[in-house]
Amino acid sequence: MDIEEIRKIYKSLEQLVLILMLIALPLFGMVYLYYNSGNLDWELPEIPDFVNGMLAGGGTALLAIQYFLFHKKLKVSFHYEELLKKVKVYSNATKERFFLLFLSSLLATIGLLFFGNPYFVILFAVTLIFFSLAKPTPDRMGRLMKLKKKERDVILAASRPE
């Protein structure tokens, strides 16, 4: 039945989001503490200043790209009648979105580590906001895929533990 397949998809999305956040948060946290301590020295190599701009620009661009790419790919789900197909489109778009967000968080972490630029703290904070706001929930899935009440109920049932 579709509900079991949707449950598997939903659980895998939930796990992916948590794993990526569990990697991104401690990495950035360690670098942030290192940056703020002022008395630690990891003897990092000197990197040319243009890399600072590339990391900042790349991280910022990834935030914009993930947003627009996600919504563009999500529009494909509007063409399907079958709920399972819609959920699969949403799942693939969401996975791609979270990998881009994870990459943005890594760029912010590397940028802060090597350059100490406070912009990377802001970049990471905005990335975390997207992580939080984009996390798949039954309500968010129903709203973004423009599901009918009956389809939303199926998503809600699939999101609950067995």
C-alpha atoms as a PDB file:
ATOM      1  CA  MET A   1       0.000   0.000   0.000  1.00  0.00           C
ATOM      2  CA  ASP A   2       1.107   3.580  -0.623  1.00  0.00           C
ATOM      3  CA  ILE A   3       1.095   4.554   3.044  1.00  0.00           C
ATOM      4  CA  GLU A   4       3.924   2.121   3.845  1.00  0.00           C
ATOM      5  CA  GLU A   5       6.036   3.423   0.978  1.00  0.00           C
ATOM      6  CA  ILE A   6       5.312   7.018   2.005  1.00  0.00           C
ATOM      7  CA  ARG A   7       6.237   6.138   5.596  1.00  0.00           C
ATOM      8  CA  LYS A   8       9.629   4.811   4.415  1.00  0.00           C
ATOM      9  CA  ILE A   9      10.256   7.933   2.357  1.00  0.00           C
ATOM     10  CA  TYR A  10       9.245  10.221   5.223  1.00  0.00           C
ATOM     11  CA  LYS A  11      11.449   8.392   7.746  1.00  0.00           C
ATOM     12  CA  SER A  12      14.459   8.442   5.437  1.00  0.00           C
ATOM     13  CA  LEU A  13      14.032  12.192   4.904  1.00  0.00           C
ATOM     14  CA  GLU A  14      13.743  12.754   8.635  1.00  0.00           C
ATOM     15  CA  GLN A  15      16.910  10.720   9.264  1.00  0.00           C
ATOM     16  CA  LEU A  16      18.851  12.508   6.530  1.00  0.00           C
ATOM     17  CA  VAL A  17      17.995  15.926   7.968  1.00  0.00           C
ATOM     18  CA  LEU A  18      19.029  14.870  11.472  1.00  0.00           C
ATOM     19  CA  ILE A  19      22.292  13.269  10.330  1.00  0.00           C
ATOM     20  CA  LEU A  20      23.317  16.313   8.306  1.00  0.00           C
ATOM     21  CA  MET A  21      22.534  18.623  11.210  1.00  0.00           C
ATOM     22  CA  LEU A  22      24.380  16.355  13.655  1.00  0.00           C
ATOM     23  CA  ILE A  23      27.462  16.667  11.476  1.00  0.00           C
ATOM     24  CA  ALA A  24      27.170  20.391  10.699  1.00  0.00           C
ATOM     25  CA  LEU A  25      26.428  21.710  14.205  1.00  0.00           C
ATOM     26  CA  PRO A  26      29.367  20.190  16.128  1.00  0.00           C
ATOM     27  CA  LEU A  27      31.830  21.022  13.351  1.00  0.00           C
ATOM     28  CA  PHE A  28      30.794  24.650  13.300  1.00  0.00           C
ATOM     29  CA  GLY A  29      30.563  24.720  17.101  1.00  0.00           C
ATOM     30  CA  MET A  30      34.180  23.588  17.488  1.00  0.00           C
ATOM     31  CA  VAL A  31      35.390  26.150  14.976  1.00  0.00           C
ATOM     32  CA  TYR A  32      33.283  28.876  16.565  1.00  0.00           C
ATOM     33  CA  LEU A  33      34.722  28.120  20.009  1.00  0.00           C
ATOM     34  CA  TYR A  34      38.232  28.099  18.526  1.00  0.00           C
ATOM     35  CA  TYR A  35      37.515  31.424  16.819  1.00  0.00           C
ATOM     36  CA  ASN A  36      36.216  33.022  20.036  1.00  0.00           C
ATOM     37  CA  SER A  37      38.823  31.601  22.417  1.00  0.00           C
ATOM     38  CA  GLY A  38      41.661  33.657  21.017  1.00  0.00           C
ATOM     39  CA  ASN A  39      44.335  31.620  22.776  1.00  0.00           C
ATOM     40  CA  LEU A  40      44.320  28.435  20.718  1.00  0.00           C
ATOM     41  CA  ASP A  41      46.589  28.083  17.731  1.00  0.00           C
ATOM     42  CA  TRP A  42      46.078  25.243  15.277  1.00  0.00           C
ATOM     43  CA  GLU A  43      48.918  26.540  13.076  1.00  0.00           C
ATOM     44  CA  LEU A  44      46.694  26.700  10.031  1.00  0.00           C
ATOM     45  CA  PRO A  45      48.283  27.546   6.687  1.00  0.00           C
ATOM     46  CA  GLU A  46      47.833  30.986   5.168  1.00  0.00           C
ATOM     47  CA  ILE A  47      45.219  30.967   2.430  1.00  0.00           C
ATOM     48  CA  PRO A  48      44.967  33.795  -0.127  1.00  0.00           C
ATOM     49  CA  ASP A  49      42.326  36.423   0.648  1.00  0.00           C
ATOM     50  CA  PHE A  50      40.386  35.805  -2.558  1.00  0.00           C
ATOM     51  CA  VAL A  51      39.371  32.394  -1.119  1.00  0.00           C
ATOM     52  CA  ASN A  52      37.577  34.290   1.675  1.00  0.00           C
ATOM     53  CA  GLY A  53      35.366  35.946  -0.929  1.00  0.00           C
ATOM     54  CA  MET A  54      34.874  32.708  -2.819  1.00  0.00           C
ATOM     55  CA  LEU A  55      33.744  30.879   0.314  1.00  0.00           C
ATOM     56  CA  ALA A  56      31.418  33.708   1.362  1.00  0.00           C
ATOM     57  CA  GLY A  57      29.997  34.094  -2.129  1.00  0.00           C
ATOM     58  CA  GLY A  58      29.700  30.358  -2.652  1.00  0.00           C
ATOM     59  CA  GLY A  59      27.892  29.809   0.641  1.00  0.00           C
ATOM     60  CA  THR A  60      25.516  32.674  -0.037  1.00  0.00           C
ATOM     61  CA  ALA A  61      24.877  31.475  -3.588  1.00  0.00           C
ATOM     62  CA  LEU A  62      24.123  27.968  -2.310  1.00  0.00           C
ATOM     63  CA  LEU A  63      21.453  29.389  -0.002  1.00  0.00           C
ATOM     64  CA  ALA A  64      19.737  31.107  -2.908  1.00  0.00           C
ATOM     65  CA  ILE A  65      20.192  28.147  -5.271  1.00  0.00           C
ATOM     66  CA  GLN A  66      18.747  25.606  -2.836  1.00  0.00           C
ATOM     67  CA  TYR A  67      15.639  27.709  -2.358  1.00  0.00           C
ATOM     68  CA  PHE A  68      14.889  28.323  -6.027  1.00  0.00           C
ATOM     69  CA  LEU A  69      15.934  24.853  -7.182  1.00  0.00           C
ATOM     70  CA  PHE A  70      13.732  23.187  -4.557  1.00  0.00           C
ATOM     71  CA  HIS A  71      10.652  25.160  -5.579  1.00  0.00           C
ATOM     72  CA  LYS A  72      11.349  24.610  -9.277  1.00  0.00           C
ATOM     73  CA  LYS A  73      11.642  20.848  -8.798  1.00  0.00           C
ATOM     74  CA  LEU A  74       8.595  20.775  -6.544  1.00  0.00           C
ATOM     75  CA  LYS A  75       6.432  22.180  -9.351  1.00  0.00           C
ATOM     76  CA  VAL A  76       6.880  18.853 -11.150  1.00  0.00           C
ATOM     77  CA  SER A  77       4.786  17.191  -8.429  1.00  0.00           C
ATOM     78  CA  PHE A  78       1.789  19.323  -9.439  1.00  0.00           C
ATOM     79  CA  HIS A  79       1.541  17.326 -12.682  1.00  0.00           C
ATOM     80  CA  TYR A  80       0.954  14.003 -10.913  1.00  0.00           C
ATOM     81  CA  GLU A  81      -2.337  12.704  -9.616  1.00  0.00           C
ATOM     82  CA  GLU A  82      -0.892   9.827  -7.591  1.00  0.00           C
ATOM     83  CA  LEU A  83       0.206  10.812  -4.076  1.00  0.00           C
ATOM     84  CA  LEU A  84       3.183   8.446  -4.030  1.00  0.00           C
ATOM     85  CA  LYS A  85       4.655  10.068  -7.142  1.00  0.00           C
ATOM     86  CA  LYS A  86       4.174  13.509  -5.612  1.00  0.00           C
ATOM     87  CA  VAL A  87       5.925  12.406  -2.426  1.00  0.00           C
ATOM     88  CA  LYS A  88       8.835  10.930  -4.396  1.00  0.00           C
ATOM     89  CA  VAL A  89       9.332  14.216  -6.245  1.00  0.00           C
ATOM     90  CA  TYR A  90       9.187  16.089  -2.936  1.00  0.00           C
ATOM     91  CA  SER A  91      11.641  13.637  -1.379  1.00  0.00           C
ATOM     92  CA  ASN A  92      14.213  13.991  -4.158  1.00  0.00           C
ATOM     93  CA  ALA A  93      13.930  17.786  -4.132  1.00  0.00           C
ATOM     94  CA  THR A  94      14.266  17.846  -0.346  1.00  0.00           C
ATOM     95  CA  LYS A  95      17.323  15.588  -0.329  1.00  0.00           C
ATOM     96  CA  GLU A  96      19.026  17.803  -2.871  1.00  0.00           C
ATOM     97  CA  ARG A  97      18.057  20.876  -0.865  1.00  0.00           C
ATOM     98  CA  PHE A  98      19.536  19.543   2.361  1.00  0.00           C
ATOM     99  CA  PHE A  99      22.776  18.477   0.717  1.00  0.00           C
ATOM    100  CA  LEU A 100      23.149  22.032  -0.620  1.00  0.00           C
ATOM    101  CA  LEU A 101      22.391  23.421   2.845  1.00  0.00           C
ATOM    102  CA  PHE A 102      24.962  21.064   4.336  1.00  0.00           C
ATOM    103  CA  LEU A 103      27.511  22.220   1.781  1.00  0.00           C
ATOM    104  CA  SER A 104      26.724  25.834   2.670  1.00  0.00           C
ATOM    105  CA  SER A 105      27.293  25.043   6.356  1.00  0.00           C
ATOM    106  CA  LEU A 106      30.654  23.448   5.501  1.00  0.00           C
ATOM    107  CA  LEU A 107      31.710  26.529   3.534  1.00  0.00           C
ATOM    108  CA  ALA A 108      30.750  28.712   6.501  1.00  0.00           C
ATOM    109  CA  THR A 109      32.734  26.466   8.853  1.00  0.00           C
ATOM    110  CA  ILE A 110      35.832  26.452   6.638  1.00  0.00           C
ATOM    111  CA  GLY A 111      35.570  30.199   6.086  1.00  0.00           C
ATOM    112  CA  LEU A 112      35.365  30.931   9.803  1.00  0.00           C
ATOM    113  CA  LEU A 113      38.218  28.545  10.552  1.00  0.00           C
ATOM    114  CA  PHE A 114      40.671  30.022   8.075  1.00  0.00           C
ATOM    115  CA  PHE A 115      39.624  33.663   7.939  1.00  0.00           C
ATOM    116  CA  GLY A 116      37.803  34.458  11.197  1.00  0.00           C
ATOM    117  CA  ASN A 117      35.367  36.559   9.196  1.00  0.00           C
ATOM    118  CA  PRO A 118      32.175  37.168  11.231  1.00  0.00           C
ATOM    119  CA  TYR A 119      30.158  36.965   7.990  1.00  0.00           C
ATOM    120  CA  PHE A 120      30.573  33.189   8.164  1.00  0.00           C
ATOM    121  CA  VAL A 121      28.776  33.141  11.522  1.00  0.00           C
ATOM    122  CA  ILE A 122      25.855  34.954   9.883  1.00  0.00           C
ATOM    123  CA  LEU A 123      25.992  32.602   6.900  1.00  0.00           C
ATOM    124  CA  PHE A 124      25.849  29.590   9.207  1.00  0.00           C
ATOM    125  CA  ALA A 125      22.973  31.099  11.195  1.00  0.00           C
ATOM    126  CA  VAL A 126      20.952  31.691   8.026  1.00  0.00           C
ATOM    127  CA  THR A 127      21.759  28.151   6.887  1.00  0.00           C
ATOM    128  CA  LEU A 128      20.432  26.848  10.219  1.00  0.00           C
ATOM    129  CA  ILE A 129      17.252  28.849   9.722  1.00  0.00           C
ATOM    130  CA  PHE A 130      16.776  27.160   6.355  1.00  0.00           C
ATOM    131  CA  PHE A 131      17.543  23.782   7.938  1.00  0.00           C
ATOM    132  CA  SER A 132      14.806  24.443  10.459  1.00  0.00           C
ATOM    133  CA  LEU A 133      12.222  25.951   8.114  1.00  0.00           C
ATOM    134  CA  ALA A 134      12.748  23.341   5.380  1.00  0.00           C
ATOM    135  CA  LYS A 135      12.563  20.301   7.663  1.00  0.00           C
ATOM    136  CA  PRO A 136       9.881  17.971   6.297  1.00  0.00           C
ATOM    137  CA  THR A 137       6.710  17.898   8.366  1.00  0.00           C
ATOM    138  CA  PRO A 138       3.279  16.621   7.304  1.00  0.00           C
ATOM    139  CA  ASP A 139       1.828  20.153   7.319  1.00  0.00           C
ATOM    140  CA  ARG A 140       4.706  21.583   5.305  1.00  0.00           C
ATOM    141  CA  MET A 141       4.561  18.728   2.805  1.00  0.00           C
ATOM    142  CA  GLY A 142       0.821  19.163   2.353  1.00  0.00           C
ATOM    143  CA  ARG A 143       1.103  22.904   1.895  1.00  0.00           C
ATOM    144  CA  LEU A 144       4.067  22.825  -0.499  1.00  0.00           C
ATOM    145  CA  MET A 145       2.628  20.042  -2.659  1.00  0.00           C
ATOM    146  CA  LYS A 146      -0.857  21.627  -2.514  1.00  0.00           C
ATOM    147  CA  LEU A 147      -2.442  18.392  -1.343  1.00  0.00           C
ATOM    148  CA  LYS A 148      -6.119  17.808  -0.729  1.00  0.00           C
ATOM    149  CA  LYS A 149      -7.358  17.067   2.793  1.00  0.00           C
ATOM    150  CA  LYS A 150      -7.501  13.323   2.192  1.00  0.00           C
ATOM    151  CA  GLU A 151      -3.911  13.272   0.885  1.00  0.00           C
ATOM    152  CA  ARG A 152      -2.741  15.371   3.832  1.00  0.00           C
ATOM    153  CA  ASP A 153      -4.302  12.838   6.174  1.00  0.00           C
ATOM    154  CA  VAL A 154      -2.342  10.036   4.482  1.00  0.00           C
ATOM    155  CA  ILE A 155       0.901  12.000   4.916  1.00  0.00           C
ATOM    156  CA  LEU A 156       0.049  12.654   8.572  1.00  0.00           C
ATOM    157  CA  ALA A 157      -0.666   8.956   9.157  1.00  0.00           C
ATOM    158  CA  ALA A 158       2.598   7.984   7.436  1.00  0.00           C
ATOM    159  CA  SER A 159       4.573  10.356   9.632  1.00  0.00           C
ATOM    160  CA  ARG A 160       3.401   8.735  12.850  1.00  0.00           C
ATOM    161  CA  PRO A 161       5.325   5.838  14.351  1.00  0.00           C
ATOM    162  CA  GLU A 162       3.976   2.422  13.442  1.00  0.00           C
END
